Amino acid sequence: MLRYPTTVRTLRNLMENPSQTAAQQKVHFHYNHTDSCKFSRWTSRECYEFMYARPWHKVVDFYADMVKGHTSLSGLFGKETLADHEDAEIREDHEKSELVNISVKDKSRDKCGRWARANFMIALSYHGGSFDGWQKQPDLNTVQGLVERSLGEFVDEKKAQLLKDKNLPLEACALVAGRTDKGVSASQQVCSFYTWRKDVKIEDVKAALDKAAPGKIRVVSLTKVSREFHPNFSAKWRHYLYIFPIDDILGKKQGGQIWIDGSTDVHLQNECGKSDVDKSNVNEINDEKDELVHRNKPTKFEVGKVNRLLGQLEGKLLSYKMFARDTKASRNIGPPTECFVFHARAIETSIPCAKDGSHMKTMCIELVANRFLRKMVRVLVATAIREAAAGADDDALLKLMDATCRRATAPPAPPDGLCLVDVGYTDYDIRHCLIP
């Protein structure tokens, strides 16, 4: 009888080769950390339960108020409210100057092809809990699908006829700075679309988007930019904020210490009444069932410790392949996994709860980097909290970069707390950050 749960592949191999010994089978179990706090560190299952057993509905409501314009992220940290996407004007002037230089070199490029089209940059704020992520997918309510349908009325006649001939809906093509997962909100997500029509007015485009889903999506800024502008490839940095609730811990207390009951079902439901289980992590969590032997583990952590752990990442070009999830095998090694983190901070603050007029104590984690891998922010947040609770050294995250198995890092934190704050197209400036 096998001691640890096996994967489907392992079971299939066992059926095909019954004589195969247990030593020859690939068995998944908790990553074997070798430091002194290995017995205080949560398993994947315990980490998952601790992360999801939080009043996430209050964070979701806060982001909903942000999209409606009732609150702002800058006001949350006592900073002066900056102009909406204030570098948009800088970017537009910069792109215009580039366009002038290009036209001097080759004036014919302004007369035909892509140089004859109008390109629009849109900064959007949307509520992640109201959509199934950014990327358009069949039969799902996604941000991209909504945006492209709303922009369909501005496509040129040639494209409209082409779509009609193919029995396709009248939709524009929207490019984006970075796709967000289901449940992830955005303060100023940047996308763009182009058209060859000359009569398209900015105010008409803004009105079409604002009326698409009032209260769920809002245009922050809309400008006409150079034909060369691309929201993803032109970006120099991305700015994320993660709000983690500290109050109202849903767990059991024993002797003044909060701990997780190993018998709790992993398919937890938050107070919103909906399941937030990330199915991509279920196998990883289920493999931990026999590892729950040290139940009375510390789950209290210091925000200052999380800040010190993240601070070790600043100003370094590192490979974050251990903190990525769901990436293609061809992008798991080398430069595709390398990211440069400009800013990584954590601070304790409180967010307003509009429904009852109270405030909830939270930890806010701010990350700014030239790029992020899939689910990298959420894995970094969960792993930093896990290491802080275990009392690991301040360079624990740096040491995990050299691990050989992604089980060394924690499962991704819930998407409800994540928000894409902004995307930058000028050189990074710390004044854009919320946490000094």
Protein backbone atom coordinates (compact mmCIF):
# COMPACT_ATOMS: atom_id res chain seq x y z
CA MET A 1 0.00 0.00 0.00
CA LEU A 2 1.41 3.36 -1.01
CA ARG A 3 1.98 5.83 1.76
CA TYR A 4 1.38 8.97 -0.28
CA PRO A 5 -1.41 9.79 -2.75
CA THR A 6 -0.29 9.20 -6.32
CA THR A 7 -1.03 11.03 -9.53
CA VAL A 8 -3.17 9.63 -12.32
CA ARG A 9 -0.04 8.90 -14.33
CA THR A 10 1.48 6.96 -11.44
CA LEU A 11 -1.68 4.87 -11.08
CA ARG A 12 -1.74 4.17 -14.81
CA ASN A 13 1.90 3.03 -14.73
CA LEU A 14 1.18 0.81 -11.75
CA MET A 15 -1.70 -0.87 -13.59
CA GLU A 16 0.40 -1.44 -16.67
CA ASN A 17 3.43 -2.59 -14.67
CA PRO A 18 2.19 -4.28 -11.49
CA SER A 19 5.67 -5.56 -10.73
CA GLN A 20 7.05 -2.03 -10.49
CA THR A 21 8.28 -1.28 -6.97
CA ALA A 22 7.25 1.73 -4.93
CA ALA A 23 10.81 3.05 -5.07
CA GLN A 24 10.59 3.25 -8.86
CA GLN A 25 7.34 5.20 -8.83
CA LYS A 26 7.24 8.97 -8.84
CA VAL A 27 5.70 10.05 -5.55
CA HIS A 28 4.69 13.65 -4.87
CA PHE A 29 5.04 15.02 -1.36
CA HIS A 30 5.89 18.21 0.46
CA TYR A 31 9.14 19.84 -0.64
CA ASN A 32 11.95 18.93 1.73
CA HIS A 33 13.25 22.22 3.08
CA THR A 34 16.54 21.89 4.90
CA ASP A 35 16.63 25.03 7.06
CA SER A 36 15.99 25.21 10.78
CA CYS A 37 12.35 26.35 10.43
CA LYS A 38 11.27 23.45 8.19
CA PHE A 39 8.88 22.11 10.86
CA SER A 40 7.25 25.53 11.33
CA ARG A 41 6.58 26.04 7.64
CA TRP A 42 3.08 25.37 6.32
CA THR A 43 2.45 22.64 3.79
CA SER A 44 0.73 23.63 0.56
CA ARG A 45 -2.63 22.56 1.93
CA GLU A 46 -2.21 24.51 5.15
CA CYS A 47 -1.04 27.58 3.23
CA TYR A 48 -4.01 27.32 0.89
CA GLU A 49 -6.48 27.07 3.76
CA PHE A 50 -4.91 29.99 5.62
CA MET A 51 -5.04 32.22 2.54
CA TYR A 52 -8.63 31.47 1.58
CA ALA A 53 -10.09 31.59 5.11
CA ARG A 54 -10.29 35.40 4.99
CA PRO A 55 -13.08 37.99 4.60
CA TRP A 56 -12.22 38.56 0.96
CA HIS A 57 -15.66 40.01 0.24
CA LYS A 58 -14.57 43.23 1.97
CA VAL A 59 -11.58 43.58 -0.36
CA VAL A 60 -13.81 42.82 -3.36
CA ASP A 61 -16.23 45.54 -2.23
CA PHE A 62 -13.35 48.01 -1.87
CA TYR A 63 -12.23 47.39 -5.45
CA ALA A 64 -15.84 47.75 -6.61
CA ASP A 65 -15.97 51.21 -4.99
CA MET A 66 -12.64 52.06 -6.64
CA VAL A 67 -14.04 51.29 -10.09
CA LYS A 68 -17.10 53.42 -9.37
CA GLY A 69 -14.83 56.30 -8.37
CA HIS A 70 -15.96 56.39 -4.74
CA THR A 71 -12.46 55.67 -3.42
CA SER A 72 -8.90 55.56 -4.75
CA LEU A 73 -5.70 53.67 -4.09
CA SER A 74 -3.70 56.88 -3.63
CA GLY A 75 -6.17 58.06 -0.99
CA LEU A 76 -5.76 54.76 0.83
CA PHE A 77 -2.14 55.63 1.57
CA GLY A 78 -2.70 59.30 2.33
CA LYS A 79 -1.12 60.52 -0.88
CA GLU A 80 -2.38 63.32 -3.03
CA THR A 81 -4.62 62.09 -5.80
CA LEU A 82 -2.66 62.24 -9.03
CA ALA A 83 -4.19 63.00 -12.37
CA ASP A 84 -5.69 59.90 -13.93
CA HIS A 85 -2.90 58.10 -15.74
CA GLU A 86 -0.83 61.24 -15.59
CA ASP A 87 1.91 59.95 -17.88
CA ALA A 88 -0.59 59.58 -20.73
CA GLU A 89 0.04 63.14 -21.88
CA ILE A 90 3.80 62.60 -21.66
CA ARG A 91 3.46 59.41 -23.63
CA GLU A 92 1.32 61.08 -26.28
CA ASP A 93 3.81 63.92 -26.77
CA HIS A 94 6.67 61.43 -26.93
CA GLU A 95 4.89 59.30 -29.50
CA LYS A 96 4.00 62.37 -31.56
CA SER A 97 7.63 63.48 -31.64
CA GLU A 98 8.64 59.99 -32.80
CA LEU A 99 6.00 60.13 -35.51
CA VAL A 100 7.39 63.47 -36.73
CA ASN A 101 10.90 62.03 -36.93
CA ILE A 102 9.62 59.03 -38.86
CA SER A 103 7.71 61.21 -41.32
CA VAL A 104 10.84 63.25 -42.03
CA LYS A 105 12.72 60.10 -42.96
CA ASP A 106 9.98 58.64 -45.12
CA LYS A 107 6.90 60.77 -45.75
CA SER A 108 5.29 58.05 -47.82
CA ARG A 109 4.77 55.97 -44.66
CA ASP A 110 2.03 58.35 -43.52
CA LYS A 111 -0.03 57.81 -46.67
CA CYS A 112 -0.87 54.11 -46.73
CA GLY A 113 -0.90 50.87 -44.79
CA ARG A 114 -0.82 50.96 -41.02
CA TRP A 115 0.50 54.51 -41.06
CA ALA A 116 -2.87 55.75 -42.30
CA ARG A 117 -4.80 54.41 -39.33
CA ALA A 118 -5.71 56.06 -36.03
CA ASN A 119 -4.43 54.34 -32.88
CA PHE A 120 -6.14 54.88 -29.51
CA MET A 121 -4.75 54.13 -26.04
CA ILE A 122 -7.32 53.36 -23.33
CA ALA A 123 -6.70 53.15 -19.57
CA LEU A 124 -9.45 51.04 -18.00
CA SER A 125 -10.53 50.43 -14.43
CA TYR A 126 -12.55 47.26 -13.90
CA HIS A 127 -13.83 45.07 -11.09
CA GLY A 128 -12.26 41.62 -11.25
CA GLY A 129 -15.07 39.90 -9.37
CA SER A 130 -17.51 40.82 -12.16
CA PHE A 131 -15.55 39.19 -14.98
CA ASP A 132 -13.95 35.88 -15.89
CA GLY A 133 -10.56 37.46 -16.46
CA TRP A 134 -9.32 39.62 -19.33
CA GLN A 135 -8.83 37.16 -22.19
CA LYS A 136 -11.80 36.56 -24.44
CA GLN A 137 -13.16 33.02 -24.16
CA PRO A 138 -16.31 31.37 -25.55
CA ASP A 139 -19.41 31.65 -23.36
CA LEU A 140 -17.56 33.59 -20.64
CA ASN A 141 -17.99 37.19 -19.54
CA THR A 142 -14.50 38.60 -20.01
CA VAL A 143 -13.19 42.16 -20.10
CA GLN A 144 -11.68 41.77 -23.56
CA GLY A 145 -14.93 40.41 -24.96
CA LEU A 146 -16.89 43.34 -23.54
CA VAL A 147 -14.37 45.92 -24.76
CA GLU A 148 -14.16 44.51 -28.28
CA ARG A 149 -17.95 44.33 -28.62
CA SER A 150 -18.25 47.94 -27.45
CA LEU A 151 -15.61 49.11 -29.93
CA GLY A 152 -17.24 47.23 -32.82
CA GLU A 153 -19.15 50.30 -33.96
CA PHE A 154 -15.87 52.09 -34.71
CA VAL A 155 -14.31 49.59 -37.11
CA ASP A 156 -13.89 50.64 -40.72
CA GLU A 157 -16.17 49.49 -43.53
CA LYS A 158 -13.64 47.07 -45.03
CA LYS A 159 -13.21 45.14 -41.77
CA ALA A 160 -16.94 45.27 -41.04
CA GLN A 161 -17.67 43.66 -44.42
CA LEU A 162 -14.99 41.04 -43.86
CA LEU A 163 -16.50 40.07 -40.51
CA LYS A 164 -19.96 39.96 -42.06
CA ASP A 165 -18.79 37.66 -44.86
CA LYS A 166 -17.37 35.26 -42.27
CA ASN A 167 -20.56 35.41 -40.17
CA LEU A 168 -18.59 36.86 -37.27
CA PRO A 169 -19.87 39.51 -34.83
CA LEU A 170 -18.90 43.12 -35.41
CA GLU A 171 -16.00 43.51 -32.99
CA ALA A 172 -12.78 45.50 -32.87
CA CYS A 173 -9.40 44.02 -31.94
CA ALA A 174 -8.09 45.22 -28.58
CA LEU A 175 -4.44 44.75 -27.58
CA VAL A 176 -3.57 44.79 -23.87
CA ALA A 177 -0.55 45.45 -21.68
CA GLY A 178 -1.05 42.23 -19.72
CA ARG A 179 -3.84 39.71 -19.23
CA THR A 180 -5.32 39.46 -15.75
CA ASP A 181 -6.81 36.31 -14.21
CA LYS A 182 -10.37 35.81 -13.08
CA GLY A 183 -11.02 37.85 -9.94
CA VAL A 184 -8.12 40.28 -10.46
CA SER A 185 -9.14 43.95 -10.59
CA ALA A 186 -7.43 46.82 -12.36
CA SER A 187 -7.05 50.49 -11.56
CA GLN A 188 -5.49 51.50 -14.87
CA GLN A 189 -5.16 48.61 -17.28
CA VAL A 190 -3.88 49.80 -20.65
CA CYS A 191 -5.22 48.55 -23.97
CA SER A 192 -5.38 49.93 -27.49
CA PHE A 193 -7.30 49.57 -30.75
CA TYR A 194 -6.98 51.10 -34.19
CA THR A 195 -9.26 52.05 -37.06
CA TRP A 196 -8.92 53.55 -40.52
CA ARG A 197 -12.00 55.69 -40.02
CA LYS A 198 -11.35 59.42 -39.82
CA ASP A 199 -14.58 60.41 -38.07
CA VAL A 200 -14.02 58.55 -34.77
CA LYS A 201 -14.14 60.94 -31.81
CA ILE A 202 -12.54 60.23 -28.44
CA GLU A 203 -15.66 61.19 -26.50
CA ASP A 204 -17.74 58.71 -28.53
CA VAL A 205 -15.33 55.86 -27.79
CA LYS A 206 -15.33 56.73 -24.08
CA ALA A 207 -19.14 56.86 -23.96
CA ALA A 208 -19.45 53.46 -25.67
CA LEU A 209 -17.15 51.81 -23.13
CA ASP A 210 -18.62 53.51 -20.06
CA LYS A 211 -22.16 52.41 -20.91
CA ALA A 212 -21.12 48.79 -21.58
CA ALA A 213 -21.18 47.74 -17.90
CA PRO A 214 -21.73 50.69 -15.53
CA GLY A 215 -20.18 50.15 -12.12
CA LYS A 216 -18.04 47.27 -13.38
CA ILE A 217 -15.80 48.97 -15.92
CA ARG A 218 -14.83 52.61 -16.38
CA VAL A 219 -12.59 54.56 -18.76
CA VAL A 220 -9.88 56.39 -16.80
CA SER A 221 -8.24 58.06 -19.78
CA LEU A 222 -8.38 57.81 -23.57
CA THR A 223 -5.85 59.36 -25.92
CA LYS A 224 -4.79 59.13 -29.55
CA VAL A 225 -1.22 57.88 -29.85
CA SER A 226 1.39 57.00 -32.45
CA ARG A 227 0.81 54.09 -34.83
CA GLU A 228 3.89 52.42 -33.30
CA PHE A 229 2.46 52.31 -29.79
CA HIS A 230 1.83 48.79 -28.43
CA PRO A 231 0.44 48.49 -24.87
CA ASN A 232 2.53 45.40 -24.11
CA PHE A 233 5.79 45.75 -26.03
CA SER A 234 6.11 49.49 -25.36
CA ALA A 235 5.67 49.08 -21.59
CA LYS A 236 8.70 49.59 -19.32
CA TRP A 237 7.19 48.48 -16.02
CA ARG A 238 4.06 47.02 -14.42
CA HIS A 239 2.67 48.04 -11.06
CA TYR A 240 0.63 45.69 -8.83
CA LEU A 241 -0.95 45.99 -5.38
CA TYR A 242 -2.13 43.08 -3.23
CA ILE A 243 -4.48 43.72 -0.29
CA PHE A 244 -4.38 40.93 2.30
CA PRO A 245 -6.97 40.99 5.15
CA ILE A 246 -5.50 40.68 8.63
CA ASP A 247 -8.70 41.00 10.70
CA ASP A 248 -11.36 38.29 11.09
CA ILE A 249 -9.13 35.26 10.79
CA LEU A 250 -11.35 32.22 10.25
CA GLY A 251 -9.57 29.47 12.16
CA LYS A 252 -9.32 27.78 15.52
CA LYS A 253 -7.56 29.16 18.54
CA GLN A 254 -5.76 27.08 21.11
CA GLY A 255 -3.68 28.55 23.89
CA GLY A 256 -3.70 31.96 22.25
CA GLN A 257 -2.22 30.57 19.03
CA ILE A 258 -4.18 30.41 15.81
CA TRP A 259 -3.80 27.24 13.81
CA ILE A 260 -5.38 25.46 10.88
CA ASP A 261 -7.44 22.32 11.32
CA GLY A 262 -6.02 19.72 8.96
CA SER A 263 -9.42 18.09 8.52
CA THR A 264 -10.96 21.16 6.88
CA ASP A 265 -12.10 20.63 3.30
CA VAL A 266 -9.89 22.48 0.82
CA HIS A 267 -12.94 23.54 -1.19
CA LEU A 268 -13.52 26.49 1.08
CA GLN A 269 -16.06 29.13 0.28
CA ASN A 270 -15.51 32.71 1.26
CA GLU A 271 -18.15 34.94 2.75
CA CYS A 272 -19.24 36.05 -0.71
CA GLY A 273 -20.91 32.65 -1.04
CA LYS A 274 -18.86 31.54 -4.06
CA SER A 275 -16.04 29.08 -4.37
CA ASP A 276 -12.62 30.60 -5.00
CA VAL A 277 -10.77 27.32 -5.38
CA ASP A 278 -7.99 27.47 -7.94
CA LYS A 279 -8.35 24.06 -9.61
CA SER A 280 -4.80 24.18 -10.95
CA ASN A 281 -3.53 23.79 -7.39
CA VAL A 282 -5.87 21.04 -6.18
CA ASN A 283 -3.47 18.22 -7.07
CA GLU A 284 -0.62 19.98 -5.32
CA ILE A 285 -2.74 20.44 -2.20
CA ASN A 286 -4.20 16.92 -2.16
CA ASP A 287 -0.71 15.46 -2.22
CA GLU A 288 -0.10 17.06 1.17
CA LYS A 289 -2.72 15.08 3.15
CA ASP A 290 -0.20 12.79 4.82
CA GLU A 291 2.11 15.69 5.63
CA LEU A 292 -0.23 17.34 8.15
CA VAL A 293 1.62 15.95 11.15
CA HIS A 294 2.75 19.22 12.77
CA ARG A 295 -0.64 20.88 13.09
CA ASN A 296 0.06 23.45 15.76
CA LYS A 297 2.15 25.69 13.53
CA PRO A 298 2.41 29.45 14.02
CA THR A 299 0.20 31.40 11.64
CA LYS A 300 0.84 34.87 12.99
CA PHE A 301 3.32 36.95 11.07
CA GLU A 302 4.78 40.43 11.20
CA VAL A 303 4.17 42.79 8.31
CA GLY A 304 7.65 44.16 8.87
CA LYS A 305 9.08 40.69 8.29
CA VAL A 306 7.21 40.38 5.00
CA ASN A 307 8.58 43.79 4.01
CA ARG A 308 12.14 42.67 4.75
CA LEU A 309 11.70 39.46 2.77
CA LEU A 310 10.40 41.33 -0.28
CA GLY A 311 13.00 44.08 0.08
CA GLN A 312 15.72 41.56 -0.78
CA LEU A 313 14.34 41.36 -4.31
CA GLU A 314 14.66 45.04 -5.16
CA GLY A 315 17.17 46.12 -7.79
CA LYS A 316 18.04 42.58 -8.90
CA LEU A 317 17.56 40.70 -12.16
CA LEU A 318 16.53 37.20 -11.08
CA SER A 319 14.92 34.11 -12.53
CA TYR A 320 11.44 33.71 -11.01
CA LYS A 321 10.67 30.31 -12.54
CA MET A 322 10.00 28.86 -9.07
CA PHE A 323 7.34 31.54 -8.53
CA ALA A 324 5.59 31.03 -11.89
CA ARG A 325 2.67 28.76 -12.66
CA ASP A 326 1.05 27.41 -15.83
CA THR A 327 3.91 28.43 -18.12
CA LYS A 328 4.93 26.61 -21.26
CA ALA A 329 7.92 24.28 -20.98
CA SER A 330 9.81 26.34 -23.55
CA ARG A 331 9.55 29.40 -21.29
CA ASN A 332 10.61 27.75 -18.03
CA ILE A 333 14.34 28.40 -18.38
CA GLY A 334 16.62 31.21 -19.45
CA PRO A 335 15.75 34.88 -20.11
CA PRO A 336 11.96 34.26 -20.40
CA THR A 337 11.91 33.67 -16.63
CA GLU A 338 14.05 36.67 -15.66
CA CYS A 339 12.42 39.76 -14.15
CA PHE A 340 13.85 42.96 -12.70
CA VAL A 341 11.98 44.14 -9.61
CA PHE A 342 12.16 47.91 -9.11
CA HIS A 343 10.04 48.10 -5.96
CA ALA A 344 8.81 45.51 -3.45
CA ARG A 345 7.28 46.70 -0.18
CA ALA A 346 4.69 45.70 2.42
CA ILE A 347 2.86 47.94 4.87
CA GLU A 348 -0.02 47.64 7.31
CA THR A 349 -3.03 49.84 6.68
CA SER A 350 -6.82 49.69 6.75
CA ILE A 351 -9.45 49.83 4.04
CA PRO A 352 -12.92 51.34 4.40
CA CYS A 353 -15.94 49.04 4.34
CA ALA A 354 -18.66 51.13 2.72
CA LYS A 355 -21.51 48.77 3.61
CA ASP A 356 -21.18 49.10 7.40
CA GLY A 357 -18.96 52.20 7.67
CA SER A 358 -16.18 50.30 9.45
CA HIS A 359 -12.54 49.72 8.56
CA MET A 360 -10.66 46.45 8.16
CA LYS A 361 -6.98 46.07 9.01
CA THR A 362 -5.00 44.80 6.02
CA MET A 363 -1.50 44.29 4.74
CA CYS A 364 -0.78 45.90 1.38
CA ILE A 365 2.01 44.51 -0.78
CA GLU A 366 3.25 46.64 -3.66
CA LEU A 367 5.34 45.21 -6.50
CA VAL A 368 6.77 47.03 -9.52
CA ALA A 369 8.82 45.15 -12.12
CA ASN A 370 9.66 45.30 -15.80
CA ARG A 371 7.56 42.16 -16.30
CA PHE A 372 5.77 39.44 -14.35
CA LEU A 373 5.35 35.75 -15.06
CA ARG A 374 2.00 33.95 -14.84
CA LYS A 375 0.61 34.08 -11.27
CA MET A 376 4.01 35.33 -10.09
CA VAL A 377 2.62 38.11 -7.89
CA ARG A 378 0.16 35.79 -6.12
CA VAL A 379 2.83 33.14 -5.51
CA LEU A 380 5.26 35.75 -4.19
CA VAL A 381 2.63 37.08 -1.78
CA ALA A 382 1.70 33.64 -0.45
CA THR A 383 5.31 32.51 -0.14
CA ALA A 384 6.42 35.70 1.62
CA ILE A 385 3.61 35.32 4.18
CA ARG A 386 4.43 31.64 4.69
CA GLU A 387 8.13 32.36 5.24
CA ALA A 388 7.36 35.25 7.61
CA ALA A 389 5.10 33.04 9.72
CA ALA A 390 7.74 30.30 9.83
CA GLY A 391 10.43 32.75 10.97
CA ALA A 392 12.70 32.19 7.98
CA ASP A 393 15.76 34.32 7.29
CA ASP A 394 15.32 37.59 5.45
CA ASP A 395 16.94 36.11 2.33
CA ALA A 396 14.53 33.14 2.20
CA LEU A 397 12.93 34.26 -1.07
CA LEU A 398 16.34 34.63 -2.69
CA LYS A 399 17.29 31.11 -1.62
CA LEU A 400 14.11 29.71 -3.13
CA MET A 401 15.25 30.98 -6.54
CA ASP A 402 17.72 28.06 -6.59
CA ALA A 403 15.12 25.40 -5.79
CA THR A 404 14.53 22.64 -8.32
CA CYS A 405 10.82 22.08 -7.70
CA ARG A 406 7.96 24.58 -7.65
CA ARG A 407 6.58 22.83 -4.56
CA ALA A 408 9.24 24.78 -2.69
CA THR A 409 7.03 27.88 -3.08
CA ALA A 410 3.47 28.30 -1.82
CA PRO A 411 0.28 27.93 -3.90
CA PRO A 412 -0.95 31.22 -5.39
CA ALA A 413 -2.79 33.55 -3.03
CA PRO A 414 -6.48 34.25 -3.86
CA PRO A 415 -6.97 36.53 -6.89
CA ASP A 416 -9.50 38.69 -4.99
CA GLY A 417 -6.76 40.76 -3.35
CA LEU A 418 -4.79 41.55 -6.50
CA CYS A 419 -5.07 44.77 -8.49
CA LEU A 420 -3.13 45.97 -11.52
CA VAL A 421 -2.43 49.55 -10.50
CA ASP A 422 -0.78 50.92 -13.61
CA VAL A 423 1.49 50.26 -16.57
CA GLY A 424 4.37 52.62 -17.28
CA TYR A 425 5.75 53.74 -20.63
CA THR A 426 8.33 56.17 -19.28
CA ASP A 427 11.34 55.31 -17.12
CA TYR A 428 10.50 54.03 -13.66
CA ASP A 429 10.10 56.72 -11.01
CA ILE A 430 9.51 55.90 -7.36
CA ARG A 431 7.00 58.76 -7.20
CA HIS A 432 4.58 56.46 -9.04
CA CYS A 433 4.64 54.08 -6.06
CA LEU A 434 2.06 54.07 -3.29
CA ILE A 435 4.31 52.72 -0.49
CA PRO A 436 7.52 54.72 0.03
